[in-house]
N, C-alpha and C. Protein backbone atom coordinates (compact mmCIF):
# COMPACT_ATOMS: atom_id res chain seq x y z
N UNK A 1 -23.78 69.59 93.77
CA UNK A 1 -22.43 69.20 93.44
C UNK A 1 -22.28 67.69 93.65
N UNK A 2 -21.45 67.06 92.85
CA UNK A 2 -21.26 65.62 92.89
C UNK A 2 -20.03 65.30 93.74
N UNK A 3 -20.19 64.40 94.71
CA UNK A 3 -19.07 64.03 95.57
C UNK A 3 -18.26 62.88 94.94
N UNK A 4 -17.14 62.53 95.57
CA UNK A 4 -16.25 61.49 95.02
C UNK A 4 -16.93 60.13 94.96
N UNK A 5 -17.72 59.78 96.00
CA UNK A 5 -18.42 58.49 96.00
C UNK A 5 -19.36 58.39 94.81
N UNK A 6 -20.12 59.45 94.57
CA UNK A 6 -21.06 59.45 93.44
C UNK A 6 -20.32 59.37 92.12
N UNK A 7 -19.24 60.10 91.99
CA UNK A 7 -18.46 60.09 90.75
C UNK A 7 -17.90 58.69 90.49
N UNK A 8 -17.36 58.05 91.52
CA UNK A 8 -16.81 56.69 91.35
C UNK A 8 -17.92 55.70 91.00
N UNK A 9 -19.06 55.82 91.68
CA UNK A 9 -20.19 54.92 91.39
C UNK A 9 -20.69 55.13 89.96
N UNK A 10 -20.82 56.38 89.55
CA UNK A 10 -21.29 56.67 88.19
C UNK A 10 -20.29 56.16 87.16
N UNK A 11 -19.01 56.35 87.41
CA UNK A 11 -17.99 55.83 86.49
C UNK A 11 -18.09 54.32 86.36
N UNK A 12 -18.38 53.64 87.48
CA UNK A 12 -18.51 52.19 87.46
C UNK A 12 -19.72 51.74 86.65
N UNK A 13 -20.69 52.61 86.46
CA UNK A 13 -21.91 52.26 85.73
C UNK A 13 -21.75 52.39 84.22
N UNK A 14 -20.72 53.07 83.75
CA UNK A 14 -20.63 53.35 82.32
C UNK A 14 -20.46 52.10 81.47
N UNK A 15 -19.63 51.17 81.88
CA UNK A 15 -19.45 49.93 81.11
C UNK A 15 -20.75 49.12 81.07
N UNK A 16 -21.43 48.90 82.20
CA UNK A 16 -22.72 48.20 82.12
C UNK A 16 -23.77 48.95 81.28
N UNK A 17 -23.72 50.28 81.30
CA UNK A 17 -24.64 51.05 80.46
C UNK A 17 -24.41 50.76 78.98
N UNK A 18 -23.15 50.79 78.56
CA UNK A 18 -22.83 50.54 77.16
C UNK A 18 -23.23 49.10 76.79
N UNK A 19 -22.96 48.16 77.67
CA UNK A 19 -23.33 46.77 77.40
C UNK A 19 -24.85 46.61 77.29
N UNK A 20 -25.56 47.28 78.17
CA UNK A 20 -27.03 47.17 78.18
C UNK A 20 -27.66 47.85 76.97
N UNK A 21 -27.10 48.99 76.56
CA UNK A 21 -27.68 49.76 75.47
C UNK A 21 -26.99 49.51 74.13
N UNK A 22 -26.01 48.64 74.12
CA UNK A 22 -25.32 48.30 72.87
C UNK A 22 -26.23 47.81 71.76
N UNK A 23 -27.24 47.00 72.06
CA UNK A 23 -28.13 46.54 70.99
C UNK A 23 -28.87 47.65 70.24
N UNK A 24 -29.00 48.83 70.85
CA UNK A 24 -29.64 49.95 70.14
C UNK A 24 -28.61 50.91 69.56
N UNK A 25 -27.32 50.54 69.64
CA UNK A 25 -26.29 51.32 68.98
C UNK A 25 -25.39 52.14 69.87
N UNK A 26 -25.59 52.12 71.17
CA UNK A 26 -24.73 52.92 72.06
C UNK A 26 -23.34 52.31 72.10
N UNK A 27 -22.34 53.14 71.82
CA UNK A 27 -20.95 52.67 71.77
C UNK A 27 -20.09 53.23 72.90
N UNK A 28 -20.57 54.28 73.57
CA UNK A 28 -19.80 54.88 74.67
C UNK A 28 -20.76 55.63 75.58
N UNK A 29 -20.34 55.79 76.83
CA UNK A 29 -21.13 56.55 77.81
C UNK A 29 -20.17 57.28 78.74
N UNK A 30 -20.55 58.48 79.11
CA UNK A 30 -19.73 59.31 80.00
C UNK A 30 -20.63 60.00 81.00
N UNK A 31 -20.13 60.16 82.22
CA UNK A 31 -20.82 60.89 83.28
C UNK A 31 -20.09 62.21 83.46
N UNK A 32 -20.77 63.31 83.22
CA UNK A 32 -20.17 64.62 83.42
C UNK A 32 -21.19 65.53 84.07
N UNK A 33 -20.80 66.25 85.10
CA UNK A 33 -21.74 67.22 85.67
C UNK A 33 -21.89 68.41 84.72
N UNK A 34 -23.08 69.02 84.72
CA UNK A 34 -23.26 70.22 83.91
C UNK A 34 -22.68 71.43 84.64
N UNK A 35 -22.86 72.60 84.10
CA UNK A 35 -22.26 73.81 84.69
C UNK A 35 -22.73 74.07 86.10
N UNK A 36 -23.94 73.65 86.41
CA UNK A 36 -24.49 73.84 87.76
C UNK A 36 -24.20 72.66 88.68
N UNK A 37 -23.45 71.68 88.20
CA UNK A 37 -23.12 70.51 89.00
C UNK A 37 -24.15 69.40 88.90
N UNK A 38 -25.20 69.60 88.09
CA UNK A 38 -26.23 68.57 87.94
C UNK A 38 -25.70 67.38 87.15
N UNK A 39 -26.22 66.19 87.43
CA UNK A 39 -25.72 64.98 86.77
C UNK A 39 -26.20 64.86 85.32
N UNK A 40 -25.27 64.55 84.43
CA UNK A 40 -25.58 64.35 83.02
C UNK A 40 -24.85 63.10 82.54
N UNK A 41 -25.57 62.21 81.89
CA UNK A 41 -24.96 61.06 81.24
C UNK A 41 -25.03 61.30 79.74
N UNK A 42 -23.87 61.21 79.09
CA UNK A 42 -23.78 61.37 77.65
C UNK A 42 -23.64 59.98 77.04
N UNK A 43 -24.50 59.67 76.10
CA UNK A 43 -24.42 58.42 75.35
C UNK A 43 -23.97 58.74 73.94
N UNK A 44 -23.10 57.91 73.38
CA UNK A 44 -22.66 58.12 72.01
C UNK A 44 -23.11 56.95 71.15
N UNK A 45 -23.60 57.27 69.97
CA UNK A 45 -23.98 56.28 68.96
C UNK A 45 -23.22 56.62 67.69
N UNK A 46 -23.15 55.70 66.71
CA UNK A 46 -22.34 55.96 65.52
C UNK A 46 -22.90 57.02 64.57
N UNK A 47 -24.21 57.05 64.36
CA UNK A 47 -24.78 57.91 63.32
C UNK A 47 -25.86 58.83 63.87
N UNK A 48 -26.18 59.86 63.09
CA UNK A 48 -27.26 60.77 63.46
C UNK A 48 -28.60 60.04 63.47
N UNK A 49 -28.79 59.11 62.55
CA UNK A 49 -30.03 58.34 62.53
C UNK A 49 -30.19 57.54 63.82
N UNK A 50 -29.10 56.94 64.29
CA UNK A 50 -29.15 56.19 65.55
C UNK A 50 -29.40 57.12 66.72
N UNK A 51 -28.85 58.34 66.68
CA UNK A 51 -29.09 59.31 67.76
C UNK A 51 -30.57 59.65 67.85
N UNK A 52 -31.18 59.91 66.73
CA UNK A 52 -32.61 60.23 66.70
C UNK A 52 -33.42 59.06 67.24
N UNK A 53 -33.04 57.85 66.85
CA UNK A 53 -33.76 56.66 67.32
C UNK A 53 -33.63 56.50 68.82
N UNK A 54 -32.41 56.58 69.35
CA UNK A 54 -32.20 56.39 70.79
C UNK A 54 -32.94 57.47 71.59
N UNK A 55 -32.92 58.70 71.09
CA UNK A 55 -33.63 59.77 71.79
C UNK A 55 -35.14 59.54 71.81
N UNK A 56 -35.64 58.80 70.84
CA UNK A 56 -37.09 58.57 70.78
C UNK A 56 -37.56 57.44 71.68
N UNK A 57 -36.64 56.61 72.17
CA UNK A 57 -37.02 55.47 73.00
C UNK A 57 -37.30 55.95 74.43
N UNK A 58 -38.54 55.80 74.86
CA UNK A 58 -38.93 56.28 76.19
C UNK A 58 -38.31 55.47 77.33
N UNK A 59 -37.83 54.30 77.05
CA UNK A 59 -37.30 53.42 78.10
C UNK A 59 -35.81 53.65 78.38
N UNK A 60 -35.13 54.45 77.58
CA UNK A 60 -33.68 54.60 77.76
C UNK A 60 -33.35 55.31 79.08
N UNK A 61 -34.00 56.41 79.39
CA UNK A 61 -33.71 57.11 80.65
C UNK A 61 -33.98 56.22 81.85
N UNK A 62 -35.14 55.53 81.95
CA UNK A 62 -35.33 54.64 83.10
C UNK A 62 -34.29 53.51 83.17
N UNK A 63 -33.83 53.03 82.01
CA UNK A 63 -32.79 52.00 81.99
C UNK A 63 -31.49 52.54 82.58
N UNK A 64 -31.11 53.75 82.17
CA UNK A 64 -29.90 54.38 82.69
C UNK A 64 -30.05 54.61 84.20
N UNK A 65 -31.19 55.09 84.63
CA UNK A 65 -31.43 55.33 86.06
C UNK A 65 -31.36 54.03 86.85
N UNK A 66 -31.88 52.94 86.31
CA UNK A 66 -31.84 51.65 87.01
C UNK A 66 -30.40 51.17 87.18
N UNK A 67 -29.60 51.31 86.16
CA UNK A 67 -28.20 50.87 86.25
C UNK A 67 -27.43 51.74 87.24
N UNK A 68 -27.66 53.04 87.22
CA UNK A 68 -26.99 53.92 88.18
C UNK A 68 -27.39 53.57 89.61
N UNK A 69 -28.65 53.23 89.80
CA UNK A 69 -29.13 52.85 91.13
C UNK A 69 -28.44 51.57 91.60
N UNK A 70 -28.25 50.63 90.69
CA UNK A 70 -27.61 49.35 91.04
C UNK A 70 -26.17 49.51 91.49
N UNK A 71 -25.49 50.56 91.03
CA UNK A 71 -24.10 50.77 91.46
C UNK A 71 -24.01 51.82 92.57
N UNK A 72 -25.12 52.06 93.24
CA UNK A 72 -25.19 52.91 94.44
C UNK A 72 -24.99 54.40 94.20
N UNK A 73 -25.42 54.90 93.05
CA UNK A 73 -25.46 56.35 92.89
C UNK A 73 -26.64 56.85 93.72
N UNK A 74 -26.43 57.93 94.45
CA UNK A 74 -27.45 58.46 95.35
C UNK A 74 -28.75 58.76 94.59
N UNK A 75 -29.89 58.42 95.19
CA UNK A 75 -31.18 58.63 94.52
C UNK A 75 -31.42 60.06 94.07
N UNK A 76 -30.96 61.04 94.84
CA UNK A 76 -31.20 62.43 94.42
C UNK A 76 -30.48 62.76 93.11
N UNK A 77 -29.33 62.12 92.86
CA UNK A 77 -28.62 62.32 91.59
C UNK A 77 -29.31 61.56 90.46
N UNK A 78 -29.77 60.36 90.77
CA UNK A 78 -30.43 59.53 89.75
C UNK A 78 -31.71 60.21 89.27
N UNK A 79 -32.48 60.77 90.19
CA UNK A 79 -33.74 61.40 89.81
C UNK A 79 -33.54 62.71 89.06
N UNK A 80 -32.45 63.42 89.32
CA UNK A 80 -32.17 64.70 88.64
C UNK A 80 -31.42 64.52 87.32
N UNK A 81 -31.08 63.29 87.01
CA UNK A 81 -30.25 62.98 85.86
C UNK A 81 -30.81 63.54 84.56
N UNK A 82 -29.92 64.12 83.78
CA UNK A 82 -30.25 64.56 82.42
C UNK A 82 -29.49 63.65 81.48
N UNK A 83 -30.14 63.22 80.44
CA UNK A 83 -29.54 62.31 79.47
C UNK A 83 -29.32 63.05 78.15
N UNK A 84 -28.13 62.95 77.59
CA UNK A 84 -27.81 63.56 76.31
C UNK A 84 -27.29 62.46 75.39
N UNK A 85 -27.67 62.53 74.13
CA UNK A 85 -27.21 61.55 73.15
C UNK A 85 -26.50 62.31 72.03
N UNK A 86 -25.32 61.84 71.68
CA UNK A 86 -24.54 62.44 70.60
C UNK A 86 -24.13 61.34 69.64
N UNK A 87 -23.72 61.75 68.46
CA UNK A 87 -23.28 60.74 67.49
C UNK A 87 -21.83 61.00 67.08
N UNK A 88 -21.12 59.94 66.79
CA UNK A 88 -19.75 60.06 66.29
C UNK A 88 -19.75 60.79 64.96
N UNK A 89 -20.79 60.58 64.16
CA UNK A 89 -20.91 61.25 62.87
C UNK A 89 -20.95 62.78 63.05
N UNK A 90 -21.76 63.27 63.99
CA UNK A 90 -21.85 64.71 64.24
C UNK A 90 -20.55 65.24 64.83
N UNK A 91 -19.93 64.47 65.70
CA UNK A 91 -18.67 64.91 66.29
C UNK A 91 -17.58 65.02 65.24
N UNK A 92 -17.55 64.10 64.28
CA UNK A 92 -16.57 64.16 63.20
C UNK A 92 -16.77 65.42 62.35
N UNK A 93 -18.01 65.80 62.14
CA UNK A 93 -18.32 66.98 61.34
C UNK A 93 -17.87 68.28 62.02
N UNK A 94 -17.73 68.26 63.33
CA UNK A 94 -17.25 69.46 64.04
C UNK A 94 -15.84 69.84 63.58
N UNK A 95 -15.06 68.85 63.21
CA UNK A 95 -13.66 69.12 62.84
C UNK A 95 -13.47 69.29 61.35
N UNK A 96 -14.51 69.05 60.55
CA UNK A 96 -14.36 69.18 59.10
C UNK A 96 -14.96 70.48 58.57
N UNK A 97 -15.70 71.18 59.39
CA UNK A 97 -16.33 72.41 58.92
C UNK A 97 -15.57 73.62 59.35
């Protein structure tokens, strides 16, 4: 389970994450625990093509982990982190079908 300190620290990391990953198309980032309370960072990009590209970059997860570490997210959360990438294009299609 994620405590308040971790949640605040992770929230503080979202703006630097977007700034750091903006050159590869990341436009938004969110920290949400999964159903079991495990840490998940969701990155949003504009298109499905950009989503596929970002998911293929092996350095994205370590970059996210480094930024979370810099804002004092506990190491056990950083190491267990799951990264998900979504696209605004796919999200828009959810409401049109």
